[in-house]
């Protein structure tokens, strides 16, 4: 008898639990709608995170497992089905002339919602194992120009030509040339920033007179958040070319080019292999632009005297209230900068806040300076830059500047390493 009583008690308990569970579908209908909507949001976040990881893998020219691709497809199907079910739930059918809930309809839809909630949770659990927990934060790809020289009237023709060339799909090689210090780099960066909406990626790569293929490759790869693991130069170029062709439209700005570059060795795809890859080179020589088969060659002139004076005043803080004697000195020094933005900024900045006698010394030195062993076209910027160096306040500052020049061009110098080197060489401080 005790056995039969226990069995009956267990059966009645199970029946009661089952009945309560069934009644929960119509009675807790709104709770089911809220729970499913919340889980759908969680699944959407998980899907986006997995998709981001897959996208990053593709940018590294790596393949992802087929099971991950399958999960993404399944997740999209599940989300689509849930959307339809939630739309159905929001259009609740009423009975008794619209005044009472339709309990039978609620029961059916509520039961479907309960099943979908379980399906969503299982899908989320599976997807979370495909998410990479952390990765390096990408650096900003924006360009910043210190001075707005490109706004001067003398810059506008070159600016407009560059913009038109970027918009023209038939032009894939562009050359911007002009004497050293005339502002080619700044203009290229500014146009690249302003026309960034035309491209999926805009890459800026300093080249310089000594061509280092590996450094150029690393710079391009870094801008693409891409790691080159190959050691062989040819393998690296193929891998880089593969990555660049993934971008539908990409602009590569090669700055300060002195000689013809081998794009195959670097890994930059030709227009025959990838129409969407556009290259802009800046150079001091029109001949280099010709050697590089630039379809569009754009000259950049120096600033006019009035433009140079405007820039000089801004950098040296010369205003209407400045004494006329100092203003006259500033005007003459501005003329010695020969319309070169880099020279104008360097000299004007170094004289900011200095006494009138130092302005006179500066003018005399600029007029009498005759740099030797400096190639044609660079003598004026060299004189101005040398003067800017000479105007540094302390010998320590000059020594640190010279120490920085030992590092490779475009090298990011860690402050701690620079400080340790300076102390070791006895330039600053003492070793305790």
Protein backbone atom coordinates (compact mmCIF):
# COMPACT_ATOMS: atom_id res chain seq x y z
CA UNK A 1 0.00 0.00 0.00
CA UNK A 2 2.80 2.40 0.84
CA UNK A 3 4.34 1.72 -2.56
CA UNK A 4 1.08 2.47 -4.36
CA UNK A 5 0.57 5.60 -2.29
CA UNK A 6 4.09 6.86 -3.14
CA UNK A 7 3.59 6.13 -6.84
CA UNK A 8 0.26 7.97 -6.87
CA UNK A 9 1.80 10.90 -5.02
CA UNK A 10 4.72 11.11 -7.50
CA UNK A 11 2.38 10.86 -10.49
CA UNK A 12 0.08 13.55 -9.19
CA UNK A 13 3.08 15.80 -8.54
CA UNK A 14 4.37 15.31 -12.07
CA UNK A 15 0.93 15.96 -13.50
CA UNK A 16 0.61 19.12 -11.44
CA UNK A 17 4.03 20.36 -12.54
CA UNK A 18 3.22 19.56 -16.14
CA UNK A 19 -0.12 21.34 -15.89
CA UNK A 20 1.53 24.41 -14.34
CA UNK A 21 4.12 24.39 -17.12
CA UNK A 22 1.43 24.23 -19.79
CA UNK A 23 -0.59 26.99 -18.12
CA UNK A 24 2.49 29.23 -18.01
CA UNK A 25 2.42 29.59 -21.81
CA UNK A 26 -0.80 31.67 -21.93
CA UNK A 27 -0.57 33.12 -18.41
CA UNK A 28 3.09 34.33 -18.66
CA UNK A 29 2.87 35.15 -22.33
CA UNK A 30 4.33 38.67 -22.05
CA UNK A 31 7.27 37.37 -19.99
CA UNK A 32 8.07 34.87 -22.74
CA UNK A 33 8.02 37.68 -25.31
CA UNK A 34 10.43 39.79 -23.23
CA UNK A 35 12.77 36.85 -22.52
CA UNK A 36 12.96 35.81 -26.18
CA UNK A 37 13.54 39.41 -27.28
CA UNK A 38 16.39 39.72 -24.76
CA UNK A 39 18.01 36.45 -25.85
CA UNK A 40 17.70 37.49 -29.48
CA UNK A 41 19.70 40.62 -28.64
CA UNK A 42 22.36 38.51 -26.91
CA UNK A 43 22.60 36.26 -29.96
CA UNK A 44 22.93 39.27 -32.28
CA UNK A 45 25.84 40.59 -30.17
CA UNK A 46 27.50 37.15 -30.21
CA UNK A 47 27.02 36.85 -33.98
CA UNK A 48 28.54 40.30 -34.58
CA UNK A 49 31.54 39.42 -32.38
CA UNK A 50 32.14 36.16 -34.25
CA UNK A 51 31.74 37.94 -37.59
CA UNK A 52 34.30 40.54 -36.50
CA UNK A 53 36.77 37.79 -35.70
CA UNK A 54 36.17 36.15 -39.09
CA UNK A 55 36.69 39.53 -40.80
CA UNK A 56 39.95 40.07 -38.90
CA UNK A 57 41.13 36.60 -39.91
CA UNK A 58 40.45 37.39 -43.57
CA UNK A 59 42.44 40.62 -43.22
CA UNK A 60 45.32 38.46 -42.03
CA UNK A 61 44.77 36.28 -45.16
CA UNK A 62 43.85 33.36 -42.91
CA UNK A 63 41.02 30.89 -43.31
CA UNK A 64 38.44 30.23 -40.61
CA UNK A 65 36.99 26.81 -39.78
CA UNK A 66 33.94 25.76 -41.77
CA UNK A 67 32.03 25.14 -38.54
CA UNK A 68 32.34 28.86 -37.72
CA UNK A 69 30.95 29.87 -41.10
CA UNK A 70 28.13 27.34 -40.63
CA UNK A 71 27.33 28.74 -37.18
CA UNK A 72 27.10 32.27 -38.59
CA UNK A 73 24.63 31.11 -41.24
CA UNK A 74 22.59 29.19 -38.65
CA UNK A 75 22.60 32.18 -36.30
CA UNK A 76 21.23 34.44 -39.03
CA UNK A 77 18.47 31.90 -39.76
CA UNK A 78 17.57 31.64 -36.07
CA UNK A 79 17.44 35.44 -35.70
CA UNK A 80 15.24 35.69 -38.80
CA UNK A 81 12.81 33.08 -37.44
CA UNK A 82 12.70 34.76 -34.03
CA UNK A 83 11.94 38.11 -35.65
CA UNK A 84 8.95 36.57 -37.41
CA UNK A 85 7.74 34.93 -34.19
CA UNK A 86 8.06 38.17 -32.22
CA UNK A 87 6.15 40.02 -34.94
CA UNK A 88 3.41 37.41 -34.62
CA UNK A 89 3.39 37.80 -30.82
CA UNK A 90 2.98 41.56 -31.10
CA UNK A 91 -0.13 41.07 -33.28
CA UNK A 92 -1.99 39.27 -30.49
CA UNK A 93 -5.40 37.94 -31.44
CA UNK A 94 -8.29 38.81 -29.11
CA UNK A 95 -11.57 37.01 -28.37
CA UNK A 96 -14.94 38.23 -27.06
CA UNK A 97 -15.12 41.11 -29.51
CA UNK A 98 -11.50 42.12 -28.76
CA UNK A 99 -11.87 42.57 -25.01
CA UNK A 100 -10.30 39.32 -23.75
CA UNK A 101 -7.04 37.55 -24.60
CA UNK A 102 -7.30 34.56 -26.92
CA UNK A 103 -5.97 31.96 -24.51
CA UNK A 104 -5.69 29.19 -27.11
CA UNK A 105 -3.68 31.48 -29.42
CA UNK A 106 -1.50 32.57 -26.49
CA UNK A 107 -0.87 28.96 -25.55
CA UNK A 108 0.30 28.03 -29.05
CA UNK A 109 2.52 31.09 -29.57
CA UNK A 110 3.80 30.99 -25.97
CA UNK A 111 4.89 27.39 -26.43
CA UNK A 112 6.78 28.35 -29.60
CA UNK A 113 8.44 31.22 -27.75
CA UNK A 114 9.55 28.87 -24.99
CA UNK A 115 11.18 26.53 -27.50
CA UNK A 116 12.86 29.44 -29.29
CA UNK A 117 14.25 30.70 -25.99
CA UNK A 118 16.00 27.35 -25.43
CA UNK A 119 17.23 27.32 -29.03
CA UNK A 120 18.63 30.83 -28.65
CA UNK A 121 20.52 29.93 -25.47
CA UNK A 122 22.10 26.88 -27.09
CA UNK A 123 23.10 28.91 -30.15
CA UNK A 124 24.63 31.63 -27.95
CA UNK A 125 26.64 29.08 -25.92
CA UNK A 126 28.07 27.57 -29.11
CA UNK A 127 28.88 30.95 -30.64
CA UNK A 128 30.73 32.26 -27.58
CA UNK A 129 33.44 29.65 -28.01
CA UNK A 130 34.26 31.17 -31.41
CA UNK A 131 34.83 34.67 -30.02
CA UNK A 132 38.37 35.89 -29.49
CA UNK A 133 38.36 37.48 -26.05
CA UNK A 134 40.85 40.27 -26.80
CA UNK A 135 43.05 41.74 -29.52
CA UNK A 136 45.20 44.86 -29.91
CA UNK A 137 43.30 48.11 -30.30
CA UNK A 138 43.83 49.45 -33.80
CA UNK A 139 45.51 52.83 -34.11
CA UNK A 140 43.75 55.71 -35.72
CA UNK A 141 44.40 55.95 -39.43
CA UNK A 142 43.68 59.65 -39.61
CA UNK A 143 46.17 62.17 -40.93
CA UNK A 144 46.96 65.36 -39.13
CA UNK A 145 48.58 68.41 -40.66
CA UNK A 146 50.12 71.00 -38.38
CA UNK A 147 49.56 73.99 -40.64
CA UNK A 148 46.80 74.83 -43.07
CA UNK A 149 49.11 75.85 -45.92
CA UNK A 150 46.91 73.89 -48.31
CA UNK A 151 44.24 76.58 -47.88
CA UNK A 152 46.40 79.20 -49.65
CA UNK A 153 45.46 80.09 -53.23
CA UNK A 154 48.78 78.79 -54.60
CA UNK A 155 47.89 75.30 -53.28
CA UNK A 156 44.39 75.13 -54.72
CA UNK A 157 45.26 74.13 -58.33
CA UNK A 158 47.30 71.15 -57.12
CA UNK A 159 44.64 70.31 -54.51
CA UNK A 160 41.87 70.29 -57.13
CA UNK A 161 43.94 68.24 -59.59
CA UNK A 162 44.68 65.64 -56.91
CA UNK A 163 41.00 65.44 -55.97
CA UNK A 164 39.97 64.94 -59.60
CA UNK A 165 42.63 62.25 -60.05
CA UNK A 166 41.36 60.41 -56.96
CA UNK A 167 37.82 60.49 -58.33
CA UNK A 168 38.88 59.26 -61.80
CA UNK A 169 38.81 55.44 -61.91
CA UNK A 170 40.99 55.43 -65.01
CA UNK A 171 43.89 57.12 -63.17
CA UNK A 172 45.79 54.68 -60.94
CA UNK A 173 49.26 56.31 -60.75
CA UNK A 174 49.62 59.94 -59.66
CA UNK A 175 52.78 61.97 -59.13
CA UNK A 176 53.05 65.13 -57.01
CA UNK A 177 56.41 66.85 -57.46
CA UNK A 178 58.13 70.03 -56.31
CA UNK A 179 61.28 71.29 -54.58
CA UNK A 180 62.17 70.11 -51.10
CA UNK A 181 60.20 71.84 -48.36
CA UNK A 182 57.41 73.18 -50.60
CA UNK A 183 54.71 71.19 -48.77
CA UNK A 184 54.18 68.04 -50.86
CA UNK A 185 53.86 65.74 -47.87
CA UNK A 186 51.38 67.95 -46.07
CA UNK A 187 49.23 68.43 -49.18
CA UNK A 188 49.22 64.68 -49.93
CA UNK A 189 48.15 63.90 -46.35
CA UNK A 190 45.45 66.56 -46.37
CA UNK A 191 43.94 65.45 -49.69
CA UNK A 192 44.17 61.82 -48.54
CA UNK A 193 42.23 62.73 -45.41
CA UNK A 194 39.59 64.78 -47.20
CA UNK A 195 39.09 62.19 -49.97
CA UNK A 196 39.11 59.27 -47.54
CA UNK A 197 35.43 58.59 -48.23
CA UNK A 198 36.38 57.51 -51.76
CA UNK A 199 38.47 54.59 -50.45
CA UNK A 200 38.15 51.70 -48.04
CA UNK A 201 41.73 52.31 -46.87
CA UNK A 202 44.17 55.23 -47.17
CA UNK A 203 47.78 54.27 -46.40
CA UNK A 204 50.66 56.72 -45.88
CA UNK A 205 54.16 55.29 -46.33
CA UNK A 206 57.42 57.33 -46.06
CA UNK A 207 60.03 56.03 -48.53
CA UNK A 208 63.06 58.44 -48.47
CA UNK A 209 66.28 58.29 -50.50
CA UNK A 210 67.33 54.88 -49.15
CA UNK A 211 64.73 52.36 -50.26
CA UNK A 212 64.18 49.66 -47.62
CA UNK A 213 61.65 47.23 -49.07
CA UNK A 214 61.09 45.38 -45.79
CA UNK A 215 60.38 48.63 -43.89
CA UNK A 216 57.93 49.75 -46.59
CA UNK A 217 56.19 46.39 -46.43
CA UNK A 218 55.94 46.56 -42.64
CA UNK A 219 54.52 50.07 -42.80
CA UNK A 220 51.80 49.06 -45.26
CA UNK A 221 51.00 45.89 -43.32
CA UNK A 222 50.81 47.81 -40.03
CA UNK A 223 48.37 50.32 -41.51
CA UNK A 224 46.21 47.40 -42.63
CA UNK A 225 46.34 45.78 -39.16
CA UNK A 226 48.07 42.90 -40.87
CA UNK A 227 51.07 40.85 -39.75
CA UNK A 228 53.67 39.61 -42.23
CA UNK A 229 55.11 36.38 -40.86
CA UNK A 230 57.08 35.31 -43.92
CA UNK A 231 60.85 35.87 -43.92
CA UNK A 232 61.49 35.67 -47.66
CA UNK A 233 61.01 39.00 -49.44
CA UNK A 234 59.13 37.49 -52.38
CA UNK A 235 56.78 35.56 -50.08
CA UNK A 236 56.13 38.74 -48.13
CA UNK A 237 55.34 40.67 -51.29
CA UNK A 238 52.88 38.01 -52.44
CA UNK A 239 51.18 37.95 -49.06
CA UNK A 240 50.94 41.74 -48.99
CA UNK A 241 49.57 41.85 -52.53
CA UNK A 242 46.96 39.26 -51.53
CA UNK A 243 45.91 41.45 -48.61
CA UNK A 244 45.73 44.67 -50.66
CA UNK A 245 43.53 43.04 -53.30
CA UNK A 246 40.96 42.33 -50.56
CA UNK A 247 40.22 46.06 -50.44
CA UNK A 248 37.85 47.17 -53.18
CA UNK A 249 39.33 50.68 -53.22
CA UNK A 250 42.65 51.52 -51.57
CA UNK A 251 44.93 54.58 -51.81
CA UNK A 252 48.65 54.12 -51.14
CA UNK A 253 50.58 57.37 -50.62
CA UNK A 254 54.32 56.83 -51.09
CA UNK A 255 56.03 59.91 -49.72
CA UNK A 256 59.47 61.27 -50.65
CA UNK A 257 60.33 58.96 -53.54
CA UNK A 258 63.82 59.53 -54.99
CA UNK A 259 64.07 56.69 -57.50
CA UNK A 260 61.96 54.19 -59.39
CA UNK A 261 60.30 51.65 -57.09
CA UNK A 262 59.68 47.98 -57.84
CA UNK A 263 56.05 47.46 -56.90
CA UNK A 264 56.31 43.70 -57.47
CA UNK A 265 59.11 43.44 -54.90
CA UNK A 266 57.10 45.50 -52.39
CA UNK A 267 53.77 43.78 -52.98
CA UNK A 268 51.69 46.65 -54.39
CA UNK A 269 49.34 45.25 -57.06
CA UNK A 270 49.45 46.77 -60.53
CA UNK A 271 46.40 48.31 -62.17
CA UNK A 272 46.12 45.21 -64.35
CA UNK A 273 45.67 42.99 -61.28
CA UNK A 274 43.65 45.40 -59.14
CA UNK A 275 41.93 48.43 -60.64
CA UNK A 276 40.86 49.61 -57.20
CA UNK A 277 44.45 50.21 -56.01
CA UNK A 278 45.47 53.82 -56.59
CA UNK A 279 49.01 55.06 -55.85
CA UNK A 280 50.16 58.62 -55.18
CA UNK A 281 53.89 59.33 -55.03
CA UNK A 282 55.49 62.58 -53.88
CA UNK A 283 58.91 63.42 -55.24
CA UNK A 284 61.31 66.31 -55.75
CA UNK A 285 61.83 65.19 -59.33
CA UNK A 286 59.39 65.17 -62.22
CA UNK A 287 61.69 62.62 -63.88
CA UNK A 288 60.93 60.12 -61.10
CA UNK A 289 57.20 60.57 -61.74
CA UNK A 290 57.86 59.85 -65.42
CA UNK A 291 59.89 56.72 -64.60
CA UNK A 292 57.05 55.51 -62.38
CA UNK A 293 54.61 55.83 -65.31
CA UNK A 294 52.43 58.36 -63.51
CA UNK A 295 49.34 59.04 -65.60
CA UNK A 296 48.90 62.35 -63.84
CA UNK A 297 51.89 64.54 -62.92
CA UNK A 298 51.02 67.49 -60.71
CA UNK A 299 53.55 70.25 -59.92
CA UNK A 300 53.49 72.07 -56.57
CA UNK A 301 54.92 75.58 -56.47
CA UNK A 302 56.23 77.50 -53.47
CA UNK A 303 54.08 79.97 -51.52
CA UNK A 304 53.74 83.54 -52.74
CA UNK A 305 55.38 86.32 -50.71
CA UNK A 306 52.05 87.32 -49.20
CA UNK A 307 51.21 83.71 -48.26
CA UNK A 308 54.65 83.22 -46.72
CA UNK A 309 54.18 86.39 -44.67
CA UNK A 310 50.74 85.27 -43.46
CA UNK A 311 52.16 81.91 -42.36
CA UNK A 312 55.18 83.53 -40.74
CA UNK A 313 53.01 85.92 -38.71
CA UNK A 314 50.86 83.08 -37.38
CA UNK A 315 53.87 81.00 -36.35
CA UNK A 316 55.86 83.82 -34.78
CA UNK A 317 52.81 85.50 -33.16
CA UNK A 318 53.37 88.77 -35.02
CA UNK A 319 50.21 90.89 -34.70
CA UNK A 320 48.99 94.37 -35.59
CA UNK A 321 50.16 95.55 -32.17
CA UNK A 322 53.77 94.39 -32.68
CA UNK A 323 56.39 97.14 -32.85
CA UNK A 324 57.10 98.30 -36.40
CA UNK A 325 60.85 97.68 -36.10
CA UNK A 326 60.25 94.04 -35.15
CA UNK A 327 57.55 93.70 -37.78
CA UNK A 328 59.92 95.01 -40.46
CA UNK A 329 62.58 92.53 -39.37
CA UNK A 330 60.03 89.74 -39.49
CA UNK A 331 59.03 90.74 -43.01
CA UNK A 332 62.62 90.58 -44.23
CA UNK A 333 63.22 87.21 -42.54
CA UNK A 334 60.01 85.93 -44.13
CA UNK A 335 61.36 86.88 -47.57
CA UNK A 336 64.51 84.84 -46.87
CA UNK A 337 62.37 81.71 -46.43
CA UNK A 338 61.76 81.78 -50.21
CA UNK A 339 58.15 80.61 -50.02
CA UNK A 340 58.98 77.25 -48.43
CA UNK A 341 56.44 76.26 -45.75
CA UNK A 342 58.84 73.97 -43.87
CA UNK A 343 61.46 76.73 -43.66
CA UNK A 344 58.92 79.39 -42.76
CA UNK A 345 57.44 77.35 -39.91
CA UNK A 346 60.87 76.35 -38.56
CA UNK A 347 62.30 79.89 -38.47
CA UNK A 348 59.13 81.62 -37.26
CA UNK A 349 58.61 79.12 -34.45
CA UNK A 350 62.21 79.43 -33.27
CA UNK A 351 61.89 83.24 -33.02
CA UNK A 352 58.61 83.27 -31.15
CA UNK A 353 58.96 85.40 -28.01
CA UNK A 354 62.64 86.23 -28.63
CA UNK A 355 64.23 89.66 -28.15
CA UNK A 356 64.66 92.04 -31.09
CA UNK A 357 68.43 91.58 -31.13
CA UNK A 358 68.00 87.87 -31.82
CA UNK A 359 65.76 88.67 -34.77
CA UNK A 360 68.54 90.89 -36.19
CA UNK A 361 71.14 88.15 -35.71
CA UNK A 362 68.83 85.70 -37.45
CA UNK A 363 68.38 87.95 -40.46
CA UNK A 364 72.14 88.50 -40.79
CA UNK A 365 72.84 84.77 -40.56
CA UNK A 366 70.23 83.91 -43.18
CA UNK A 367 71.68 86.46 -45.59
CA UNK A 368 75.30 85.44 -45.08
CA UNK A 369 74.84 81.68 -44.70
CA UNK A 370 76.32 79.61 -47.53
CA UNK A 371 75.80 75.88 -46.84
CA UNK A 372 78.20 73.55 -48.60
CA UNK A 373 77.63 70.10 -50.06
CA UNK A 374 73.87 70.65 -50.18
CA UNK A 375 72.16 69.74 -53.41
CA UNK A 376 70.38 72.32 -55.52
CA UNK A 377 66.84 73.00 -54.34
CA UNK A 378 67.59 72.21 -50.69
CA UNK A 379 69.90 75.08 -49.74
CA UNK A 380 67.16 77.47 -48.60
CA UNK A 381 65.33 74.96 -46.37
CA UNK A 382 68.70 73.77 -45.04
CA UNK A 383 69.70 77.28 -43.98
CA UNK A 384 66.38 77.84 -42.24
CA UNK A 385 66.41 74.48 -40.47
CA UNK A 386 70.00 75.02 -39.34
CA UNK A 387 68.95 78.37 -37.92
CA UNK A 388 66.04 76.74 -36.11
CA UNK A 389 68.49 74.26 -34.58
CA UNK A 390 70.91 77.03 -33.58
CA UNK A 391 68.07 78.84 -31.82
CA UNK A 392 67.39 75.95 -29.44
CA UNK A 393 67.69 77.27 -25.90
CA UNK A 394 70.24 74.84 -24.41
CA UNK A 395 73.13 72.67 -25.49
CA UNK A 396 71.28 69.69 -24.01
CA UNK A 397 68.35 70.30 -26.37
CA UNK A 398 70.74 70.48 -29.34
CA UNK A 399 72.50 67.28 -28.29
CA UNK A 400 69.20 65.45 -27.87
CA UNK A 401 68.12 66.66 -31.32
CA UNK A 402 71.33 65.29 -32.85
CA UNK A 403 70.90 62.02 -30.95
CA UNK A 404 67.41 61.65 -32.47
CA UNK A 405 68.91 62.07 -35.94
CA UNK A 406 70.93 58.87 -35.41
CA UNK A 407 67.72 56.81 -35.51
CA UNK A 408 66.27 55.67 -38.86
CA UNK A 409 63.83 57.94 -40.67
CA UNK A 410 60.21 57.59 -39.53
CA UNK A 411 61.38 55.65 -36.47
CA UNK A 412 59.27 55.88 -33.31
CA UNK A 413 61.83 56.65 -30.61
CA UNK A 414 60.85 55.43 -27.12
CA UNK A 415 61.39 58.26 -24.62
CA UNK A 416 62.84 55.86 -22.03
CA UNK A 417 65.40 54.51 -24.52
CA UNK A 418 66.32 58.04 -25.63
CA UNK A 419 66.76 59.11 -22.00
CA UNK A 420 68.94 56.09 -21.16
CA UNK A 421 71.08 56.71 -24.25
CA UNK A 422 71.46 60.40 -23.39
CA UNK A 423 72.50 59.61 -19.81
CA UNK A 424 74.91 56.93 -20.99
CA UNK A 425 76.56 59.37 -23.40
CA UNK A 426 76.73 62.07 -20.73
CA UNK A 427 74.40 64.39 -22.64
CA UNK A 428 71.95 64.92 -19.79
CA UNK A 429 71.82 64.04 -16.11
CA UNK A 430 74.06 61.70 -14.22
CA UNK A 431 74.05 57.98 -13.52
CA UNK A 432 73.36 57.49 -9.80
